[in-house]
């Protein structure tokens, strides 16, 4: 008489919950379940919900078996690939699929990294719109990590960060990239990242706005020099020489130093007008700032430097 075979989810539970057995034997049992699951998916409709149960059991098991986390994560990835195939054979509603994909990525201690590309057809425009709206709404509630602060990256933050990063890459949306990056503004380098993404997307004015925000936050420290360099390079690339000079002038007046002075001079001296501009900015720096700082700067500069 044939012995009935337990349902696949029950078999997953059996092998995950047998600490008395060697891991090699349990692993063989789990991979056998996945092989049978693959056969089930190929047979046609009716497999999708079974695959979803197996995914959730394996994801939950990953947190309980940290010593075997890498192997179990790899197994989860294989089952997710089967799930994408099953969605093509036995399509769920786009809304149902969007909700499940978000659930499996945010509802567990050790969530998997889901790639959206294999689900593009099953989600369709409606499912993707629902997925995006829910992901963005939840991500937007996360507090911004302000300049100089140490942020707390808990499980929810990491999970939602990964979700929106993958979504931004999948749809090629620069605004989503900025949304992700702008949630952590703890250093000037993060402002520089945002400005760089916007510049590479051809959104120069937005990039320059973020440069300004970064300079105000950093107060001339850390990434300030790189931020000004980005603004100047972009202005020169577009033929906006006067705007480039204004960025260098503003940097010198805000933070008078040999470095900011030299960078202003290097930009202007080759095109004439340096003598007049030099006298003007030094006078303004003395008038609006600390005269002692200007005197110290002049003392460090030789006649040739001036």
C-alpha atoms as a PDB file:
ATOM      1  CA  UNK A   1       0.000   0.000   0.000  1.00  0.00           C
ATOM      2  CA  UNK A   2       1.307   3.455  -0.926  1.00  0.00           C
ATOM      3  CA  UNK A   3       2.259   5.662   2.001  1.00  0.00           C
ATOM      4  CA  UNK A   4       0.671   9.123   1.665  1.00  0.00           C
ATOM      5  CA  UNK A   5       3.197  11.902   1.141  1.00  0.00           C
ATOM      6  CA  UNK A   6       2.761  14.868   3.504  1.00  0.00           C
ATOM      7  CA  UNK A   7       2.008  18.229   1.872  1.00  0.00           C
ATOM      8  CA  UNK A   8       5.091  20.192   0.881  1.00  0.00           C
ATOM      9  CA  UNK A   9       4.684  22.898   3.562  1.00  0.00           C
ATOM     10  CA  UNK A  10       4.440  20.195   6.233  1.00  0.00           C
ATOM     11  CA  UNK A  11       7.646  18.639   4.955  1.00  0.00           C
ATOM     12  CA  UNK A  12       9.405  22.010   5.174  1.00  0.00           C
ATOM     13  CA  UNK A  13       8.263  22.365   8.774  1.00  0.00           C
ATOM     14  CA  UNK A  14       9.424  18.846   9.552  1.00  0.00           C
ATOM     15  CA  UNK A  15      12.984  19.425   8.353  1.00  0.00           C
ATOM     16  CA  UNK A  16      13.254  22.894   9.888  1.00  0.00           C
ATOM     17  CA  UNK A  17      12.051  21.663  13.275  1.00  0.00           C
ATOM     18  CA  UNK A  18      14.364  18.658  13.709  1.00  0.00           C
ATOM     19  CA  UNK A  19      17.432  19.893  15.607  1.00  0.00           C
ATOM     20  CA  UNK A  20      18.061  16.286  16.646  1.00  0.00           C
ATOM     21  CA  UNK A  21      19.050  15.395  13.078  1.00  0.00           C
ATOM     22  CA  UNK A  22      22.355  16.292  11.377  1.00  0.00           C
ATOM     23  CA  UNK A  23      22.108  19.452   9.286  1.00  0.00           C
ATOM     24  CA  UNK A  24      23.256  17.610   6.150  1.00  0.00           C
ATOM     25  CA  UNK A  25      20.257  15.295   6.365  1.00  0.00           C
ATOM     26  CA  UNK A  26      17.864  18.164   7.008  1.00  0.00           C
ATOM     27  CA  UNK A  27      19.341  20.093   4.086  1.00  0.00           C
ATOM     28  CA  UNK A  28      18.827  17.123   1.775  1.00  0.00           C
ATOM     29  CA  UNK A  29      15.216  16.987   2.929  1.00  0.00           C
ATOM     30  CA  UNK A  30      14.656  20.689   2.243  1.00  0.00           C
ATOM     31  CA  UNK A  31      16.232  20.562  -1.215  1.00  0.00           C
ATOM     32  CA  UNK A  32      14.077  17.532  -2.030  1.00  0.00           C
ATOM     33  CA  UNK A  33      11.009  19.589  -1.124  1.00  0.00           C
ATOM     34  CA  UNK A  34      12.130  22.352  -3.491  1.00  0.00           C
ATOM     35  CA  UNK A  35      12.685  19.813  -6.271  1.00  0.00           C
ATOM     36  CA  UNK A  36       9.154  18.474  -5.778  1.00  0.00           C
ATOM     37  CA  UNK A  37       7.869  22.041  -5.676  1.00  0.00           C
ATOM     38  CA  UNK A  38       9.501  22.717  -9.036  1.00  0.00           C
ATOM     39  CA  UNK A  39       7.717  19.691 -10.470  1.00  0.00           C
ATOM     40  CA  UNK A  40       4.425  20.926  -9.036  1.00  0.00           C
ATOM     41  CA  UNK A  41       4.871  24.366 -10.633  1.00  0.00           C
ATOM     42  CA  UNK A  42       5.540  22.792 -14.025  1.00  0.00           C
ATOM     43  CA  UNK A  43       2.332  20.761 -13.858  1.00  0.00           C
ATOM     44  CA  UNK A  44       0.173  23.878 -14.178  1.00  0.00           C
ATOM     45  CA  UNK A  45      -2.280  25.941 -12.102  1.00  0.00           C
ATOM     46  CA  UNK A  46      -2.763  25.488  -8.394  1.00  0.00           C
ATOM     47  CA  UNK A  47       0.847  25.677  -7.235  1.00  0.00           C
ATOM     48  CA  UNK A  48       1.202  29.375  -6.440  1.00  0.00           C
ATOM     49  CA  UNK A  49      -0.297  29.328  -2.951  1.00  0.00           C
ATOM     50  CA  UNK A  50       1.773  26.282  -2.029  1.00  0.00           C
ATOM     51  CA  UNK A  51       4.923  28.095  -3.164  1.00  0.00           C
ATOM     52  CA  UNK A  52       3.964  31.122  -1.076  1.00  0.00           C
ATOM     53  CA  UNK A  53       3.559  28.942   2.012  1.00  0.00           C
ATOM     54  CA  UNK A  54       6.963  27.369   1.422  1.00  0.00           C
ATOM     55  CA  UNK A  55       8.593  30.784   0.936  1.00  0.00           C
ATOM     56  CA  UNK A  56       7.171  32.086   4.201  1.00  0.00           C
ATOM     57  CA  UNK A  57       8.190  28.980   6.140  1.00  0.00           C
ATOM     58  CA  UNK A  58      11.750  29.133   4.810  1.00  0.00           C
ATOM     59  CA  UNK A  59      12.047  32.872   5.453  1.00  0.00           C
ATOM     60  CA  UNK A  60      10.831  32.417   9.023  1.00  0.00           C
ATOM     61  CA  UNK A  61      13.222  29.487   9.427  1.00  0.00           C
ATOM     62  CA  UNK A  62      16.173  31.599   8.337  1.00  0.00           C
ATOM     63  CA  UNK A  63      15.909  33.685  11.498  1.00  0.00           C
ATOM     64  CA  UNK A  64      15.867  30.540  13.664  1.00  0.00           C
ATOM     65  CA  UNK A  65      18.841  28.893  11.977  1.00  0.00           C
ATOM     66  CA  UNK A  66      21.426  31.664  11.765  1.00  0.00           C
ATOM     67  CA  UNK A  67      24.282  29.191  11.476  1.00  0.00           C
ATOM     68  CA  UNK A  68      22.814  28.111   8.132  1.00  0.00           C
ATOM     69  CA  UNK A  69      21.523  31.517   7.053  1.00  0.00           C
ATOM     70  CA  UNK A  70      23.457  31.697   3.775  1.00  0.00           C
ATOM     71  CA  UNK A  71      22.247  28.285   2.610  1.00  0.00           C
ATOM     72  CA  UNK A  72      18.638  28.991   3.551  1.00  0.00           C
ATOM     73  CA  UNK A  73      18.707  32.412   1.858  1.00  0.00           C
ATOM     74  CA  UNK A  74      19.906  30.733  -1.318  1.00  0.00           C
ATOM     75  CA  UNK A  75      17.061  28.235  -1.037  1.00  0.00           C
ATOM     76  CA  UNK A  76      14.568  31.079  -0.550  1.00  0.00           C
ATOM     77  CA  UNK A  77      15.867  32.715  -3.731  1.00  0.00           C
ATOM     78  CA  UNK A  78      15.285  29.484  -5.644  1.00  0.00           C
ATOM     79  CA  UNK A  79      11.734  29.209  -4.335  1.00  0.00           C
ATOM     80  CA  UNK A  80      11.045  32.859  -5.172  1.00  0.00           C
ATOM     81  CA  UNK A  81      12.113  32.117  -8.745  1.00  0.00           C
ATOM     82  CA  UNK A  82       9.561  29.298  -8.758  1.00  0.00           C
ATOM     83  CA  UNK A  83       6.969  31.677  -7.355  1.00  0.00           C
ATOM     84  CA  UNK A  84       7.499  34.110 -10.221  1.00  0.00           C
ATOM     85  CA  UNK A  85       6.979  31.239 -12.663  1.00  0.00           C
ATOM     86  CA  UNK A  86       3.876  30.096 -10.780  1.00  0.00           C
ATOM     87  CA  UNK A  87       2.448  33.615 -11.015  1.00  0.00           C
ATOM     88  CA  UNK A  88       2.676  33.313 -14.779  1.00  0.00           C
ATOM     89  CA  UNK A  89       0.866  29.974 -14.775  1.00  0.00           C
ATOM     90  CA  UNK A  90      -1.649  30.788 -12.053  1.00  0.00           C
ATOM     91  CA  UNK A  91      -1.871  34.608 -11.987  1.00  0.00           C
ATOM     92  CA  UNK A  92      -3.014  36.268  -8.771  1.00  0.00           C
ATOM     93  CA  UNK A  93      -4.739  39.624  -8.860  1.00  0.00           C
ATOM     94  CA  UNK A  94      -2.133  42.397  -9.258  1.00  0.00           C
ATOM     95  CA  UNK A  95      -3.138  43.888  -5.902  1.00  0.00           C
ATOM     96  CA  UNK A  96      -2.838  40.530  -4.135  1.00  0.00           C
ATOM     97  CA  UNK A  97       0.616  39.951  -5.590  1.00  0.00           C
ATOM     98  CA  UNK A  98       1.800  43.456  -4.687  1.00  0.00           C
ATOM     99  CA  UNK A  99       0.636  43.008  -1.101  1.00  0.00           C
ATOM    100  CA  UNK A 100       2.267  39.592  -0.755  1.00  0.00           C
ATOM    101  CA  UNK A 101       5.596  40.777  -2.147  1.00  0.00           C
ATOM    102  CA  UNK A 102       5.666  43.631   0.353  1.00  0.00           C
ATOM    103  CA  UNK A 103       4.616  41.306   3.168  1.00  0.00           C
ATOM    104  CA  UNK A 104       7.374  38.791   2.531  1.00  0.00           C
ATOM    105  CA  UNK A 105       9.998  41.566   2.413  1.00  0.00           C
ATOM    106  CA  UNK A 106       8.881  43.453   5.517  1.00  0.00           C
ATOM    107  CA  UNK A 107       7.018  41.015   7.736  1.00  0.00           C
ATOM    108  CA  UNK A 108       9.909  38.805   8.838  1.00  0.00           C
ATOM    109  CA  UNK A 109      13.048  39.133  10.924  1.00  0.00           C
ATOM    110  CA  UNK A 110      15.301  38.035   8.044  1.00  0.00           C
ATOM    111  CA  UNK A 111      13.398  39.109   4.916  1.00  0.00           C
ATOM    112  CA  UNK A 112      14.565  38.071   1.449  1.00  0.00           C
ATOM    113  CA  UNK A 113      15.655  40.424  -1.307  1.00  0.00           C
ATOM    114  CA  UNK A 114      12.972  40.243  -3.975  1.00  0.00           C
ATOM    115  CA  UNK A 115      13.735  41.245  -7.559  1.00  0.00           C
ATOM    116  CA  UNK A 116      10.764  42.868  -9.264  1.00  0.00           C
ATOM    117  CA  UNK A 117      11.777  42.121 -12.852  1.00  0.00           C
ATOM    118  CA  UNK A 118      10.538  38.489 -12.824  1.00  0.00           C
ATOM    119  CA  UNK A 119       7.167  39.738 -11.542  1.00  0.00           C
ATOM    120  CA  UNK A 120       6.740  42.559 -14.054  1.00  0.00           C
ATOM    121  CA  UNK A 121       4.148  40.786 -16.204  1.00  0.00           C
ATOM    122  CA  UNK A 122       2.124  39.457 -13.271  1.00  0.00           C
ATOM    123  CA  UNK A 123       2.096  42.809 -11.483  1.00  0.00           C
ATOM    124  CA  UNK A 124       1.299  44.860 -14.559  1.00  0.00           C
ATOM    125  CA  UNK A 125       0.788  48.622 -14.272  1.00  0.00           C
ATOM    126  CA  UNK A 126      -1.953  48.241 -11.644  1.00  0.00           C
ATOM    127  CA  UNK A 127       0.013  45.994  -9.321  1.00  0.00           C
ATOM    128  CA  UNK A 128       3.200  48.010  -9.705  1.00  0.00           C
ATOM    129  CA  UNK A 129       1.328  51.228  -8.908  1.00  0.00           C
ATOM    130  CA  UNK A 130      -0.123  49.658  -5.755  1.00  0.00           C
ATOM    131  CA  UNK A 131       3.278  48.276  -4.750  1.00  0.00           C
ATOM    132  CA  UNK A 132       4.904  51.658  -5.286  1.00  0.00           C
ATOM    133  CA  UNK A 133       2.241  53.636  -3.450  1.00  0.00           C
ATOM    134  CA  UNK A 134       2.361  51.380  -0.393  1.00  0.00           C
ATOM    135  CA  UNK A 135       6.163  51.129  -0.334  1.00  0.00           C
ATOM    136  CA  UNK A 136       6.629  54.893  -0.660  1.00  0.00           C
ATOM    137  CA  UNK A 137       3.950  55.646   1.933  1.00  0.00           C
ATOM    138  CA  UNK A 138       5.601  53.370   4.473  1.00  0.00           C
ATOM    139  CA  UNK A 139       9.127  54.508   3.645  1.00  0.00           C
ATOM    140  CA  UNK A 140       8.144  58.174   3.937  1.00  0.00           C
ATOM    141  CA  UNK A 141       7.187  57.682   7.582  1.00  0.00           C
ATOM    142  CA  UNK A 142      10.787  56.840   8.478  1.00  0.00           C
ATOM    143  CA  UNK A 143      12.522  59.752  10.222  1.00  0.00           C
ATOM    144  CA  UNK A 144      15.232  61.624   8.340  1.00  0.00           C
ATOM    145  CA  UNK A 145      18.650  61.207   9.944  1.00  0.00           C
ATOM    146  CA  UNK A 146      19.820  64.800  10.284  1.00  0.00           C
ATOM    147  CA  UNK A 147      23.316  66.133   9.809  1.00  0.00           C
ATOM    148  CA  UNK A 148      25.700  65.014  12.521  1.00  0.00           C
ATOM    149  CA  UNK A 149      23.215  62.520  13.938  1.00  0.00           C
ATOM    150  CA  UNK A 150      23.654  58.784  14.321  1.00  0.00           C
ATOM    151  CA  UNK A 151      20.666  57.046  12.835  1.00  0.00           C
ATOM    152  CA  UNK A 152      19.094  53.865  14.125  1.00  0.00           C
ATOM    153  CA  UNK A 153      18.856  51.287  11.365  1.00  0.00           C
ATOM    154  CA  UNK A 154      16.392  48.801  12.777  1.00  0.00           C
ATOM    155  CA  UNK A 155      14.849  45.859  10.924  1.00  0.00           C
ATOM    156  CA  UNK A 156      11.986  47.922   9.500  1.00  0.00           C
ATOM    157  CA  UNK A 157      14.272  50.634   8.172  1.00  0.00           C
ATOM    158  CA  UNK A 158      16.619  48.171   6.491  1.00  0.00           C
ATOM    159  CA  UNK A 159      13.720  46.259   4.946  1.00  0.00           C
ATOM    160  CA  UNK A 160      11.955  49.330   3.563  1.00  0.00           C
ATOM    161  CA  UNK A 161      15.253  50.777   2.362  1.00  0.00           C
ATOM    162  CA  UNK A 162      15.899  47.637   0.341  1.00  0.00           C
ATOM    163  CA  UNK A 163      12.335  47.616  -1.026  1.00  0.00           C
ATOM    164  CA  UNK A 164      12.465  51.197  -2.295  1.00  0.00           C
ATOM    165  CA  UNK A 165      16.025  50.856  -3.627  1.00  0.00           C
ATOM    166  CA  UNK A 166      14.980  47.859  -5.724  1.00  0.00           C
ATOM    167  CA  UNK A 167      11.818  49.659  -6.837  1.00  0.00           C
ATOM    168  CA  UNK A 168      13.826  52.721  -7.905  1.00  0.00           C
ATOM    169  CA  UNK A 169      16.207  50.542  -9.903  1.00  0.00           C
ATOM    170  CA  UNK A 170      13.364  48.567 -11.475  1.00  0.00           C
ATOM    171  CA  UNK A 171      11.418  51.594 -12.707  1.00  0.00           C
ATOM    172  CA  UNK A 172      14.463  53.817 -13.291  1.00  0.00           C
ATOM    173  CA  UNK A 173      12.983  56.628 -11.211  1.00  0.00           C
ATOM    174  CA  UNK A 174      15.441  59.294 -10.061  1.00  0.00           C
ATOM    175  CA  UNK A 175      12.950  60.769  -7.593  1.00  0.00           C
ATOM    176  CA  UNK A 176      12.764  57.418  -5.822  1.00  0.00           C
ATOM    177  CA  UNK A 177      16.562  57.287  -5.677  1.00  0.00           C
ATOM    178  CA  UNK A 178      16.573  60.745  -4.117  1.00  0.00           C
ATOM    179  CA  UNK A 179      13.848  59.709  -1.678  1.00  0.00           C
ATOM    180  CA  UNK A 180      16.050  56.848  -0.481  1.00  0.00           C
ATOM    181  CA  UNK A 181      19.251  58.878  -0.231  1.00  0.00           C
ATOM    182  CA  UNK A 182      17.573  61.855   1.423  1.00  0.00           C
ATOM    183  CA  UNK A 183      16.412  59.756   4.370  1.00  0.00           C
ATOM    184  CA  UNK A 184      20.007  59.769   5.667  1.00  0.00           C
ATOM    185  CA  UNK A 185      21.608  63.219   5.653  1.00  0.00           C
ATOM    186  CA  UNK A 186      23.963  62.545   8.532  1.00  0.00           C
ATOM    187  CA  UNK A 187      27.027  63.779   6.624  1.00  0.00           C
ATOM    188  CA  UNK A 188      27.936  66.038   3.737  1.00  0.00           C
ATOM    189  CA  UNK A 189      28.799  62.993   1.672  1.00  0.00           C
ATOM    190  CA  UNK A 190      25.127  62.028   1.630  1.00  0.00           C
ATOM    191  CA  UNK A 191      24.225  65.444   0.212  1.00  0.00           C
ATOM    192  CA  UNK A 192      26.928  64.891  -2.386  1.00  0.00           C
ATOM    193  CA  UNK A 193      25.388  61.532  -3.316  1.00  0.00           C
ATOM    194  CA  UNK A 194      22.010  63.156  -3.927  1.00  0.00           C
ATOM    195  CA  UNK A 195      23.528  65.977  -5.973  1.00  0.00           C
ATOM    196  CA  UNK A 196      25.540  63.480  -8.032  1.00  0.00           C
ATOM    197  CA  UNK A 197      22.477  61.359  -8.835  1.00  0.00           C
ATOM    198  CA  UNK A 198      20.565  64.449  -9.951  1.00  0.00           C
ATOM    199  CA  UNK A 199      23.465  65.744 -12.034  1.00  0.00           C
ATOM    200  CA  UNK A 200      23.849  62.394 -13.789  1.00  0.00           C
ATOM    201  CA  UNK A 201      20.116  62.465 -14.538  1.00  0.00           C
ATOM    202  CA  UNK A 202      20.517  65.838 -16.252  1.00  0.00           C
ATOM    203  CA  UNK A 203      18.679  67.722 -13.501  1.00  0.00           C
ATOM    204  CA  UNK A 204      21.281  70.408 -12.986  1.00  0.00           C
ATOM    205  CA  UNK A 205      19.207  72.949 -11.075  1.00  0.00           C
ATOM    206  CA  UNK A 206      18.028  70.305  -8.623  1.00  0.00           C
ATOM    207  CA  UNK A 207      21.621  69.137  -8.201  1.00  0.00           C
ATOM    208  CA  UNK A 208      22.808  72.681  -7.477  1.00  0.00           C
ATOM    209  CA  UNK A 209      20.009  73.133  -4.952  1.00  0.00           C
ATOM    210  CA  UNK A 210      21.263  70.062  -3.081  1.00  0.00           C
ATOM    211  CA  UNK A 211      24.811  71.405  -3.230  1.00  0.00           C
ATOM    212  CA  UNK A 212      23.567  74.549  -1.500  1.00  0.00           C
ATOM    213  CA  UNK A 213      21.720  72.528   1.119  1.00  0.00           C
ATOM    214  CA  UNK A 214      24.813  70.436   1.743  1.00  0.00           C
ATOM    215  CA  UNK A 215      27.032  73.487   2.166  1.00  0.00           C
ATOM    216  CA  UNK A 216      24.636  75.015   4.667  1.00  0.00           C
ATOM    217  CA  UNK A 217      24.557  71.759   6.626  1.00  0.00           C
ATOM    218  CA  UNK A 218      28.305  71.109   6.633  1.00  0.00           C
ATOM    219  CA  UNK A 219      29.432  74.637   7.395  1.00  0.00           C
ATOM    220  CA  UNK A 220      32.452  74.150   5.154  1.00  0.00           C
ATOM    221  CA  UNK A 221      33.559  70.881   6.733  1.00  0.00           C
ATOM    222  CA  UNK A 222      33.914  67.378   5.349  1.00  0.00           C
ATOM    223  CA  UNK A 223      32.470  67.114   1.867  1.00  0.00           C
ATOM    224  CA  UNK A 224      32.043  70.879   1.389  1.00  0.00           C
ATOM    225  CA  UNK A 225      34.953  71.132  -1.038  1.00  0.00           C
ATOM    226  CA  UNK A 226      33.631  68.283  -3.162  1.00  0.00           C
ATOM    227  CA  UNK A 227      30.166  69.827  -3.174  1.00  0.00           C
ATOM    228  CA  UNK A 228      31.519  73.120  -4.514  1.00  0.00           C
ATOM    229  CA  UNK A 229      33.629  71.231  -7.064  1.00  0.00           C
ATOM    230  CA  UNK A 230      30.513  69.479  -8.355  1.00  0.00           C
ATOM    231  CA  UNK A 231      28.646  72.776  -8.724  1.00  0.00           C
ATOM    232  CA  UNK A 232      31.565  74.487 -10.457  1.00  0.00           C
ATOM    233  CA  UNK A 233      32.237  71.575 -12.814  1.00  0.00           C
ATOM    234  CA  UNK A 234      28.578  71.377 -13.801  1.00  0.00           C
ATOM    235  CA  UNK A 235      28.343  75.119 -14.417  1.00  0.00           C
ATOM    236  CA  UNK A 236      31.483  75.081 -16.552  1.00  0.00           C
ATOM    237  CA  UNK A 237      30.219  72.075 -18.497  1.00  0.00           C
ATOM    238  CA  UNK A 238      27.099  74.030 -19.400  1.00  0.00           C
ATOM    239  CA  UNK A 239      28.999  77.220 -20.197  1.00  0.00           C
ATOM    240  CA  UNK A 240      27.801  79.058 -17.096  1.00  0.00           C
ATOM    241  CA  UNK A 241      31.153  80.583 -16.230  1.00  0.00           C
ATOM    242  CA  UNK A 242      29.777  83.461 -14.159  1.00  0.00           C
ATOM    243  CA  UNK A 243      27.758  81.050 -12.034  1.00  0.00           C
ATOM    244  CA  UNK A 244      30.867  78.924 -11.538  1.00  0.00           C
ATOM    245  CA  UNK A 245      32.774  81.984 -10.320  1.00  0.00           C
ATOM    246  CA  UNK A 246      29.918  82.829  -7.947  1.00  0.00           C
ATOM    247  CA  UNK A 247      30.135  79.360  -6.396  1.00  0.00           C
ATOM    248  CA  UNK A 248      33.889  79.756  -5.822  1.00  0.00           C
ATOM    249  CA  UNK A 249      33.457  83.295  -4.514  1.00  0.00           C
ATOM    250  CA  UNK A 250      30.678  82.222  -2.149  1.00  0.00           C
ATOM    251  CA  UNK A 251      32.826  79.385  -0.823  1.00  0.00           C
ATOM    252  CA  UNK A 252      35.758  81.707  -0.137  1.00  0.00           C
ATOM    253  CA  UNK A 253      33.625  84.311   1.611  1.00  0.00           C
ATOM    254  CA  UNK A 254      31.910  81.681   3.745  1.00  0.00           C
ATOM    255  CA  UNK A 255      35.152  79.890   4.668  1.00  0.00           C
ATOM    256  CA  UNK A 256      38.194  82.098   3.944  1.00  0.00           C
ATOM    257  CA  UNK A 257      41.276  79.909   3.611  1.00  0.00           C
ATOM    258  CA  UNK A 258      44.278  79.416   1.377  1.00  0.00           C
ATOM    259  CA  UNK A 259      42.498  76.515  -0.305  1.00  0.00           C
ATOM    260  CA  UNK A 260      39.267  78.370  -1.147  1.00  0.00           C
ATOM    261  CA  UNK A 261      41.293  81.417  -2.233  1.00  0.00           C
ATOM    262  CA  UNK A 262      43.502  79.322  -4.530  1.00  0.00           C
ATOM    263  CA  UNK A 263      40.508  77.629  -6.128  1.00  0.00           C
ATOM    264  CA  UNK A 264      38.856  80.969  -6.837  1.00  0.00           C
ATOM    265  CA  UNK A 265      42.070  82.351  -8.304  1.00  0.00           C
ATOM    266  CA  UNK A 266      42.644  79.258 -10.466  1.00  0.00           C
ATOM    267  CA  UNK A 267      39.191  79.655 -11.984  1.00  0.00           C
ATOM    268  CA  UNK A 268      39.446  83.380 -12.702  1.00  0.00           C
ATOM    269  CA  UNK A 269      43.111  84.232 -13.296  1.00  0.00           C
ATOM    270  CA  UNK A 270      43.323  82.701 -16.755  1.00  0.00           C
ATOM    271  CA  UNK A 271      40.494  84.821 -18.133  1.00  0.00           C
ATOM    272  CA  UNK A 272      41.496  88.233 -16.793  1.00  0.00           C
ATOM    273  CA  UNK A 273      39.811  90.294 -14.141  1.00  0.00           C
ATOM    274  CA  UNK A 274      41.540  88.545 -11.269  1.00  0.00           C
ATOM    275  CA  UNK A 275      43.104  91.676  -9.775  1.00  0.00           C
ATOM    276  CA  UNK A 276      39.759  93.445  -9.449  1.00  0.00           C
ATOM    277  CA  UNK A 277      37.962  90.370  -8.132  1.00  0.00           C
ATOM    278  CA  UNK A 278      40.769  89.649  -5.662  1.00  0.00           C
ATOM    279  CA  UNK A 279      40.569  93.133  -4.202  1.00  0.00           C
ATOM    280  CA  UNK A 280      36.781  92.951  -4.038  1.00  0.00           C
ATOM    281  CA  UNK A 281      36.538  89.580  -2.277  1.00  0.00           C
ATOM    282  CA  UNK A 282      39.296  90.385   0.206  1.00  0.00           C
ATOM    283  CA  UNK A 283      37.589  93.659   1.073  1.00  0.00           C
ATOM    284  CA  UNK A 284      34.236  91.917   1.475  1.00  0.00           C
ATOM    285  CA  UNK A 285      35.777  89.160   3.573  1.00  0.00           C
ATOM    286  CA  UNK A 286      37.315  91.773   5.869  1.00  0.00           C
ATOM    287  CA  UNK A 287      34.083  93.779   6.029  1.00  0.00           C
ATOM    288  CA  UNK A 288      31.600  90.934   6.530  1.00  0.00           C
ATOM    289  CA  UNK A 289      33.755  88.462   8.404  1.00  0.00           C
ATOM    290  CA  UNK A 290      36.602  88.444  10.870  1.00  0.00           C
ATOM    291  CA  UNK A 291      39.387  90.845   9.799  1.00  0.00           C
ATOM    292  CA  UNK A 292      41.889  88.784  11.777  1.00  0.00           C
ATOM    293  CA  UNK A 293      41.127  85.762   9.587  1.00  0.00           C
ATOM    294  CA  UNK A 294      41.810  87.809   6.455  1.00  0.00           C
ATOM    295  CA  UNK A 295      45.032  89.192   7.930  1.00  0.00           C
ATOM    296  CA  UNK A 296      46.188  85.679   8.751  1.00  0.00           C
ATOM    297  CA  UNK A 297      45.326  84.543   5.230  1.00  0.00           C
ATOM    298  CA  UNK A 298      47.283  87.412   3.677  1.00  0.00           C
ATOM    299  CA  UNK A 299      50.233  86.625   5.898  1.00  0.00           C
ATOM    300  CA  UNK A 300      50.272  83.061   4.598  1.00  0.00           C
ATOM    301  CA  UNK A 301      50.099  84.147   0.979  1.00  0.00           C
ATOM    302  CA  UNK A 302      53.223  85.359  -0.780  1.00  0.00           C
ATOM    303  CA  UNK A 303      53.220  88.225  -3.257  1.00  0.00           C
ATOM    304  CA  UNK A 304      53.243  85.632  -6.026  1.00  0.00           C
ATOM    305  CA  UNK A 305      50.183  83.904  -4.546  1.00  0.00           C
ATOM    306  CA  UNK A 306      48.272  87.164  -4.560  1.00  0.00           C
END
